[in-house]
């Protein structure tokens, strides 16, 4: 299972807690380094693979911008 990480807000998704948590970019760089090291061996490093994803704060920002511009569900009035 890959790690879901938002570099914009420095947050990682915790599957155990089912929420986004603050996580340092330094730690993500270390994890990526371990991932690269394990890729060079016969070990399955998929649990260390980091995927860039938008987090809950990203979603809230987009919602706020959409509300300010008068859009509904991310669409502008008249769009389907």
PDB file of N, CA and C in Angstrom:
ATOM      1  N   UNK A   1       0.846  -1.172   0.000  1.00  0.00           N
ATOM      2  CA  UNK A   1       0.000   0.000   0.000  1.00  0.00           C
ATOM      3  C   UNK A   1       0.896   1.240   0.000  1.00  0.00           C
ATOM      4  N   UNK A   2       0.645   2.120  -0.913  1.00  0.00           N
ATOM      5  CA  UNK A   2       1.441   3.333  -1.055  1.00  0.00           C
ATOM      6  C   UNK A   2       1.033   4.397  -0.032  1.00  0.00           C
ATOM      7  N   UNK A   3       1.955   5.309   0.216  1.00  0.00           N
ATOM      8  CA  UNK A   3       1.671   6.445   1.096  1.00  0.00           C
ATOM      9  C   UNK A   3       1.069   7.573   0.278  1.00  0.00           C
ATOM     10  N   UNK A   4      -0.009   8.151   0.756  1.00  0.00           N
ATOM     11  CA  UNK A   4      -0.612   9.315   0.106  1.00  0.00           C
ATOM     12  C   UNK A   4      -0.062  10.550   0.795  1.00  0.00           C
ATOM     13  N   UNK A   5       0.592  11.437   0.032  1.00  0.00           N
ATOM     14  CA  UNK A   5       1.256  12.597   0.607  1.00  0.00           C
ATOM     15  C   UNK A   5       0.919  13.854  -0.179  1.00  0.00           C
ATOM     16  N   UNK A   6       0.644  14.931   0.532  1.00  0.00           N
ATOM     17  CA  UNK A   6       0.392  16.244  -0.073  1.00  0.00           C
ATOM     18  C   UNK A   6       1.581  17.136   0.267  1.00  0.00           C
ATOM     19  N   UNK A   7       2.424  17.415  -0.737  1.00  0.00           N
ATOM     20  CA  UNK A   7       3.615  18.231  -0.483  1.00  0.00           C
ATOM     21  C   UNK A   7       3.259  19.703  -0.290  1.00  0.00           C
ATOM     22  N   UNK A   8       2.129  20.132  -0.837  1.00  0.00           N
ATOM     23  CA  UNK A   8       1.708  21.518  -0.692  1.00  0.00           C
ATOM     24  C   UNK A   8       1.456  21.865   0.777  1.00  0.00           C
ATOM     25  N   UNK A   9       0.816  20.959   1.510  1.00  0.00           N
ATOM     26  CA  UNK A   9       0.485  21.197   2.913  1.00  0.00           C
ATOM     27  C   UNK A   9       1.293  20.337   3.889  1.00  0.00           C
ATOM     28  N   UNK A  10       2.178  19.477   3.373  1.00  0.00           N
ATOM     29  CA  UNK A  10       3.014  18.639   4.242  1.00  0.00           C
ATOM     30  C   UNK A  10       2.179  17.705   5.091  1.00  0.00           C
ATOM     31  N   UNK A  11       1.260  16.968   4.420  1.00  0.00           N
ATOM     32  CA  UNK A  11       0.361  16.070   5.145  1.00  0.00           C
ATOM     33  C   UNK A  11       0.369  14.692   4.490  1.00  0.00           C
ATOM     34  N   UNK A  12       0.214  13.663   5.316  1.00  0.00           N
ATOM     35  CA  UNK A  12       0.144  12.284   4.845  1.00  0.00           C
ATOM     36  C   UNK A  12      -1.177  11.695   5.334  1.00  0.00           C
ATOM     37  N   UNK A  13      -1.764  10.795   4.518  1.00  0.00           N
ATOM     38  CA  UNK A  13      -3.020  10.177   4.918  1.00  0.00           C
ATOM     39  C   UNK A  13      -2.736   8.956   5.776  1.00  0.00           C
ATOM     40  N   UNK A  14      -3.339   8.916   6.964  1.00  0.00           N
ATOM     41  CA  UNK A  14      -3.188   7.774   7.871  1.00  0.00           C
ATOM     42  C   UNK A  14      -4.371   6.835   7.654  1.00  0.00           C
ATOM     43  N   UNK A  15      -4.078   5.628   7.156  1.00  0.00           N
ATOM     44  CA  UNK A  15      -5.138   4.648   6.967  1.00  0.00           C
ATOM     45  C   UNK A  15      -5.679   4.171   8.311  1.00  0.00           C
ATOM     46  N   UNK A  16      -4.809   4.077   9.299  1.00  0.00           N
ATOM     47  CA  UNK A  16      -5.229   3.619  10.628  1.00  0.00           C
ATOM     48  C   UNK A  16      -6.215   4.593  11.276  1.00  0.00           C
ATOM     49  N   UNK A  17      -5.957   5.899  11.104  1.00  0.00           N
ATOM     50  CA  UNK A  17      -6.818   6.909  11.722  1.00  0.00           C
ATOM     51  C   UNK A  17      -7.850   7.478  10.749  1.00  0.00           C
ATOM     52  N   UNK A  18      -7.737   7.094   9.469  1.00  0.00           N
ATOM     53  CA  UNK A  18      -8.656   7.559   8.425  1.00  0.00           C
ATOM     54  C   UNK A  18      -8.763   9.082   8.366  1.00  0.00           C
ATOM     55  N   UNK A  19      -7.577   9.736   8.409  1.00  0.00           N
ATOM     56  CA  UNK A  19      -7.549  11.192   8.303  1.00  0.00           C
ATOM     57  C   UNK A  19      -6.154  11.634   7.877  1.00  0.00           C
ATOM     58  N   UNK A  20      -6.056  12.903   7.458  1.00  0.00           N
ATOM     59  CA  UNK A  20      -4.783  13.489   7.065  1.00  0.00           C
ATOM     60  C   UNK A  20      -4.064  14.024   8.294  1.00  0.00           C
ATOM     61  N   UNK A  21      -2.737  13.792   8.355  1.00  0.00           N
ATOM     62  CA  UNK A  21      -1.910  14.221   9.484  1.00  0.00           C
ATOM     63  C   UNK A  21      -0.712  15.023   8.980  1.00  0.00           C
ATOM     64  N   UNK A  22      -0.250  15.955   9.799  1.00  0.00           N
ATOM     65  CA  UNK A  22       0.962  16.713   9.470  1.00  0.00           C
ATOM     66  C   UNK A  22       2.140  15.743   9.399  1.00  0.00           C
ATOM     67  N   UNK A  23       3.005  15.936   8.392  1.00  0.00           N
ATOM     68  CA  UNK A  23       4.134  15.032   8.191  1.00  0.00           C
ATOM     69  C   UNK A  23       5.233  15.822   7.502  1.00  0.00           C
ATOM     70  N   UNK A  24       6.427  15.781   8.027  1.00  0.00           N
ATOM     71  CA  UNK A  24       7.512  16.619   7.501  1.00  0.00           C
ATOM     72  C   UNK A  24       8.013  16.134   6.141  1.00  0.00           C
ATOM     73  N   UNK A  25       8.430  17.084   5.320  1.00  0.00           N
ATOM     74  CA  UNK A  25       8.995  16.746   4.019  1.00  0.00           C
ATOM     75  C   UNK A  25      10.334  16.026   4.173  1.00  0.00           C
ATOM     76  N   UNK A  26      11.026  16.295   5.263  1.00  0.00           N
ATOM     77  CA  UNK A  26      12.295  15.601   5.529  1.00  0.00           C
ATOM     78  C   UNK A  26      12.041  14.098   5.666  1.00  0.00           C
ATOM     79  N   UNK A  27      10.998  13.724   6.393  1.00  0.00           N
ATOM     80  CA  UNK A  27      10.664  12.302   6.569  1.00  0.00           C
ATOM     81  C   UNK A  27      10.275  11.674   5.235  1.00  0.00           C
ATOM     82  N   UNK A  28       9.529  12.408   4.415  1.00  0.00           N
ATOM     83  CA  UNK A  28       9.137  11.884   3.101  1.00  0.00           C
ATOM     84  C   UNK A  28      10.376  11.652   2.237  1.00  0.00           C
ATOM     85  N   UNK A  29      11.343  12.568   2.285  1.00  0.00           N
ATOM     86  CA  UNK A  29      12.595  12.377   1.533  1.00  0.00           C
ATOM     87  C   UNK A  29      13.320  11.120   2.017  1.00  0.00           C
ATOM     88  N   UNK A  30      13.330  10.898   3.336  1.00  0.00           N
ATOM     89  CA  UNK A  30      13.964   9.692   3.880  1.00  0.00           C
ATOM     90  C   UNK A  30      13.244   8.435   3.386  1.00  0.00           C
ATOM     91  N   UNK A  31      11.913   8.458   3.408  1.00  0.00           N
ATOM     92  CA  UNK A  31      11.124   7.303   2.958  1.00  0.00           C
ATOM     93  C   UNK A  31      11.387   7.035   1.477  1.00  0.00           C
ATOM     94  N   UNK A  32      11.439   8.102   0.677  1.00  0.00           N
ATOM     95  CA  UNK A  32      11.731   7.927  -0.752  1.00  0.00           C
ATOM     96  C   UNK A  32      13.120   7.330  -0.956  1.00  0.00           C
ATOM     97  N   UNK A  33      14.065   7.721  -0.118  1.00  0.00           N
ATOM     98  CA  UNK A  33      15.409   7.149  -0.193  1.00  0.00           C
ATOM     99  C   UNK A  33      15.399   5.664   0.130  1.00  0.00           C
ATOM    100  N   UNK A  34      14.670   5.271   1.176  1.00  0.00           N
ATOM    101  CA  UNK A  34      14.537   3.848   1.531  1.00  0.00           C
ATOM    102  C   UNK A  34      13.858   3.083   0.404  1.00  0.00           C
ATOM    103  N   UNK A  35      12.855   3.706  -0.193  1.00  0.00           N
ATOM    104  CA  UNK A  35      12.131   3.073  -1.303  1.00  0.00           C
ATOM    105  C   UNK A  35      13.086   2.787  -2.455  1.00  0.00           C
ATOM    106  N   UNK A  36      13.905   3.779  -2.824  1.00  0.00           N
ATOM    107  CA  UNK A  36      14.869   3.602  -3.915  1.00  0.00           C
ATOM    108  C   UNK A  36      15.872   2.497  -3.580  1.00  0.00           C
ATOM    109  N   UNK A  37      16.317   2.473  -2.340  1.00  0.00           N
ATOM    110  CA  UNK A  37      17.259   1.436  -1.915  1.00  0.00           C
ATOM    111  C   UNK A  37      16.635   0.045  -2.036  1.00  0.00           C
ATOM    112  N   UNK A  38      15.412  -0.099  -1.556  1.00  0.00           N
ATOM    113  CA  UNK A  38      14.743  -1.398  -1.620  1.00  0.00           C
ATOM    114  C   UNK A  38      14.400  -1.805  -3.048  1.00  0.00           C
ATOM    115  N   UNK A  39      14.162  -0.826  -3.915  1.00  0.00           N
ATOM    116  CA  UNK A  39      13.891  -1.144  -5.323  1.00  0.00           C
ATOM    117  C   UNK A  39      15.093  -1.813  -5.973  1.00  0.00           C
ATOM    118  N   UNK A  40      16.273  -1.528  -5.468  1.00  0.00           N
ATOM    119  CA  UNK A  40      17.481  -2.116  -6.046  1.00  0.00           C
ATOM    120  C   UNK A  40      17.724  -3.541  -5.539  1.00  0.00           C
ATOM    121  N   UNK A  41      16.897  -3.998  -4.614  1.00  0.00           N
ATOM    122  CA  UNK A  41      17.006  -5.374  -4.092  1.00  0.00           C
ATOM    123  C   UNK A  41      15.794  -6.170  -4.572  1.00  0.00           C
ATOM    124  N   UNK A  42      15.680  -7.391  -4.135  1.00  0.00           N
ATOM    125  CA  UNK A  42      14.533  -8.224  -4.497  1.00  0.00           C
ATOM    126  C   UNK A  42      13.366  -8.056  -3.531  1.00  0.00           C
ATOM    127  N   UNK A  43      13.463  -7.141  -2.611  1.00  0.00           N
ATOM    128  CA  UNK A  43      12.412  -6.903  -1.625  1.00  0.00           C
ATOM    129  C   UNK A  43      11.278  -6.097  -2.249  1.00  0.00           C
ATOM    130  N   UNK A  44      10.052  -6.345  -1.831  1.00  0.00           N
ATOM    131  CA  UNK A  44       8.901  -5.581  -2.327  1.00  0.00           C
ATOM    132  C   UNK A  44       8.779  -4.300  -1.508  1.00  0.00           C
ATOM    133  N   UNK A  45       9.127  -3.151  -2.099  1.00  0.00           N
ATOM    134  CA  UNK A  45       9.092  -1.892  -1.361  1.00  0.00           C
ATOM    135  C   UNK A  45       7.786  -1.115  -1.531  1.00  0.00           C
ATOM    136  N   UNK A  46       6.724  -1.747  -2.036  1.00  0.00           N
ATOM    137  CA  UNK A  46       5.502  -1.011  -2.367  1.00  0.00           C
ATOM    138  C   UNK A  46       4.910  -0.273  -1.173  1.00  0.00           C
ATOM    139  N   UNK A  47       5.171  -0.751   0.039  1.00  0.00           N
ATOM    140  CA  UNK A  47       4.638  -0.085   1.229  1.00  0.00           C
ATOM    141  C   UNK A  47       5.324   1.257   1.488  1.00  0.00           C
ATOM    142  N   UNK A  48       6.428   1.518   0.799  1.00  0.00           N
ATOM    143  CA  UNK A  48       7.146   2.784   0.958  1.00  0.00           C
ATOM    144  C   UNK A  48       6.966   3.718  -0.235  1.00  0.00           C
ATOM    145  N   UNK A  49       6.194   3.304  -1.217  1.00  0.00           N
ATOM    146  CA  UNK A  49       6.005   4.144  -2.401  1.00  0.00           C
ATOM    147  C   UNK A  49       5.150   5.352  -2.025  1.00  0.00           C
ATOM    148  N   UNK A  50       5.642   6.551  -2.336  1.00  0.00           N
ATOM    149  CA  UNK A  50       4.952   7.790  -1.983  1.00  0.00           C
ATOM    150  C   UNK A  50       4.235   8.325  -3.227  1.00  0.00           C
ATOM    151  N   UNK A  51       2.928   8.520  -3.105  1.00  0.00           N
ATOM    152  CA  UNK A  51       2.126   9.087  -4.183  1.00  0.00           C
ATOM    153  C   UNK A  51       1.696  10.487  -3.806  1.00  0.00           C
ATOM    154  N   UNK A  52       1.863  11.420  -4.726  1.00  0.00           N
ATOM    155  CA  UNK A  52       1.425  12.800  -4.492  1.00  0.00           C
ATOM    156  C   UNK A  52      -0.091  12.846  -4.641  1.00  0.00           C
ATOM    157  N   UNK A  53      -0.784  13.335  -3.627  1.00  0.00           N
ATOM    158  CA  UNK A  53      -2.242  13.449  -3.633  1.00  0.00           C
ATOM    159  C   UNK A  53      -2.652  14.774  -3.018  1.00  0.00           C
ATOM    160  N   UNK A  54      -3.838  15.235  -3.352  1.00  0.00           N
ATOM    161  CA  UNK A  54      -4.368  16.429  -2.695  1.00  0.00           C
ATOM    162  C   UNK A  54      -4.981  16.004  -1.363  1.00  0.00           C
ATOM    163  N   UNK A  55      -4.816  16.845  -0.345  1.00  0.00           N
ATOM    164  CA  UNK A  55      -5.273  16.505   1.004  1.00  0.00           C
ATOM    165  C   UNK A  55      -6.586  17.205   1.337  1.00  0.00           C
ATOM    166  N   UNK A  56      -7.027  17.046   2.570  1.00  0.00           N
ATOM    167  CA  UNK A  56      -8.271  17.669   3.017  1.00  0.00           C
ATOM    168  C   UNK A  56      -8.189  19.191   2.974  1.00  0.00           C
ATOM    169  N   UNK A  57      -7.022  19.757   3.231  1.00  0.00           N
ATOM    170  CA  UNK A  57      -6.864  21.209   3.173  1.00  0.00           C
ATOM    171  C   UNK A  57      -6.952  21.706   1.737  1.00  0.00           C
ATOM    172  N   UNK A  58      -6.431  20.934   0.786  1.00  0.00           N
ATOM    173  CA  UNK A  58      -6.552  21.281  -0.630  1.00  0.00           C
ATOM    174  C   UNK A  58      -8.035  21.323  -1.015  1.00  0.00           C
ATOM    175  N   UNK A  59      -8.787  20.300  -0.610  1.00  0.00           N
ATOM    176  CA  UNK A  59     -10.210  20.229  -0.931  1.00  0.00           C
ATOM    177  C   UNK A  59     -10.962  21.412  -0.343  1.00  0.00           C
ATOM    178  N   UNK A  60     -10.638  21.773   0.896  1.00  0.00           N
ATOM    179  CA  UNK A  60     -11.307  22.907   1.540  1.00  0.00           C
ATOM    180  C   UNK A  60     -11.000  24.210   0.801  1.00  0.00           C
ATOM    181  N   UNK A  61      -9.768  24.363   0.350  1.00  0.00           N
ATOM    182  CA  UNK A  61      -9.384  25.566  -0.393  1.00  0.00           C
ATOM    183  C   UNK A  61     -10.166  25.656  -1.699  1.00  0.00           C
ATOM    184  N   UNK A  62     -10.260  24.540  -2.415  1.00  0.00           N
ATOM    185  CA  UNK A  62     -11.004  24.544  -3.678  1.00  0.00           C
ATOM    186  C   UNK A  62     -12.483  24.817  -3.449  1.00  0.00           C
ATOM    187  N   UNK A  63     -13.045  24.264  -2.371  1.00  0.00           N
ATOM    188  CA  UNK A  63     -14.451  24.523  -2.045  1.00  0.00           C
ATOM    189  C   UNK A  63     -14.677  26.003  -1.786  1.00  0.00           C
ATOM    190  N   UNK A  64     -13.784  26.612  -0.999  1.00  0.00           N
ATOM    191  CA  UNK A  64     -13.920  28.031  -0.678  1.00  0.00           C
ATOM    192  C   UNK A  64     -13.821  28.883  -1.937  1.00  0.00           C
ATOM    193  N   UNK A  65     -12.879  28.570  -2.810  1.00  0.00           N
ATOM    194  CA  UNK A  65     -12.723  29.330  -4.053  1.00  0.00           C
ATOM    195  C   UNK A  65     -13.961  29.180  -4.937  1.00  0.00           C
ATOM    196  N   UNK A  66     -14.502  27.973  -4.970  1.00  0.00           N
ATOM    197  CA  UNK A  66     -15.699  27.732  -5.768  1.00  0.00           C
ATOM    198  C   UNK A  66     -16.896  28.505  -5.246  1.00  0.00           C
ATOM    199  N   UNK A  67     -17.029  28.576  -3.928  1.00  0.00           N
ATOM    200  CA  UNK A  67     -18.146  29.305  -3.332  1.00  0.00           C
ATOM    201  C   UNK A  67     -18.017  30.795  -3.600  1.00  0.00           C
ATOM    202  N   UNK A  68     -16.797  31.315  -3.539  1.00  0.00           N
ATOM    203  CA  UNK A  68     -16.576  32.746  -3.786  1.00  0.00           C
ATOM    204  C   UNK A  68     -16.867  33.127  -5.234  1.00  0.00           C
ATOM    205  N   UNK A  69     -16.595  32.207  -6.163  1.00  0.00           N
ATOM    206  CA  UNK A  69     -16.805  32.518  -7.577  1.00  0.00           C
ATOM    207  C   UNK A  69     -18.230  32.226  -8.027  1.00  0.00           C
ATOM    208  N   UNK A  70     -19.070  31.728  -7.108  1.00  0.00           N
ATOM    209  CA  UNK A  70     -20.467  31.468  -7.428  1.00  0.00           C
ATOM    210  C   UNK A  70     -20.695  30.140  -8.104  1.00  0.00           C
ATOM    211  N   UNK A  71     -19.704  29.250  -8.062  1.00  0.00           N
ATOM    212  CA  UNK A  71     -19.889  27.946  -8.687  1.00  0.00           C
ATOM    213  C   UNK A  71     -20.523  26.980  -7.700  1.00  0.00           C
ATOM    214  N   UNK A  72     -21.025  25.892  -8.271  1.00  0.00           N
ATOM    215  CA  UNK A  72     -21.659  24.867  -7.456  1.00  0.00           C
ATOM    216  C   UNK A  72     -21.001  23.532  -7.808  1.00  0.00           C
ATOM    217  N   UNK A  73     -20.484  22.827  -6.817  1.00  0.00           N
ATOM    218  CA  UNK A  73     -19.817  21.542  -7.023  1.00  0.00           C
ATOM    219  C   UNK A  73     -18.659  21.634  -8.015  1.00  0.00           C
ATOM    220  N   UNK A  74     -17.955  22.766  -7.999  1.00  0.00           N
ATOM    221  CA  UNK A  74     -16.793  22.930  -8.861  1.00  0.00           C
ATOM    222  C   UNK A  74     -17.130  23.356 -10.279  1.00  0.00           C
ATOM    223  N   UNK A  75     -18.437  23.511 -10.578  1.00  0.00           N
ATOM    224  CA  UNK A  75     -18.851  23.946 -11.906  1.00  0.00           C
ATOM    225  C   UNK A  75     -19.308  25.380 -11.872  1.00  0.00           C
ATOM    226  N   UNK A  76     -19.071  26.072 -12.929  1.00  0.00           N
ATOM    227  CA  UNK A  76     -19.558  27.447 -13.025  1.00  0.00           C
ATOM    228  C   UNK A  76     -21.028  27.413 -13.433  1.00  0.00           C
ATOM    229  N   UNK A  77     -21.761  28.434 -13.082  1.00  0.00           N
ATOM    230  CA  UNK A  77     -23.169  28.460 -13.466  1.00  0.00           C
ATOM    231  C   UNK A  77     -23.317  28.283 -14.987  1.00  0.00           C
ATOM    232  N   UNK A  78     -24.229  27.396 -15.400  1.00  0.00           N
ATOM    233  CA  UNK A  78     -24.469  27.123 -16.808  1.00  0.00           C
ATOM    234  C   UNK A  78     -23.673  25.963 -17.359  1.00  0.00           C
ATOM    235  N   UNK A  79     -22.653  25.448 -16.588  1.00  0.00           N
ATOM    236  CA  UNK A  79     -21.864  24.293 -17.035  1.00  0.00           C
ATOM    237  C   UNK A  79     -22.520  23.023 -16.537  1.00  0.00           C
ATOM    238  N   UNK A  80     -22.324  21.947 -17.257  1.00  0.00           N
ATOM    239  CA  UNK A  80     -22.844  20.656 -16.798  1.00  0.00           C
ATOM    240  C   UNK A  80     -21.731  19.667 -16.741  1.00  0.00           C
TER     241      UNK A  80
END
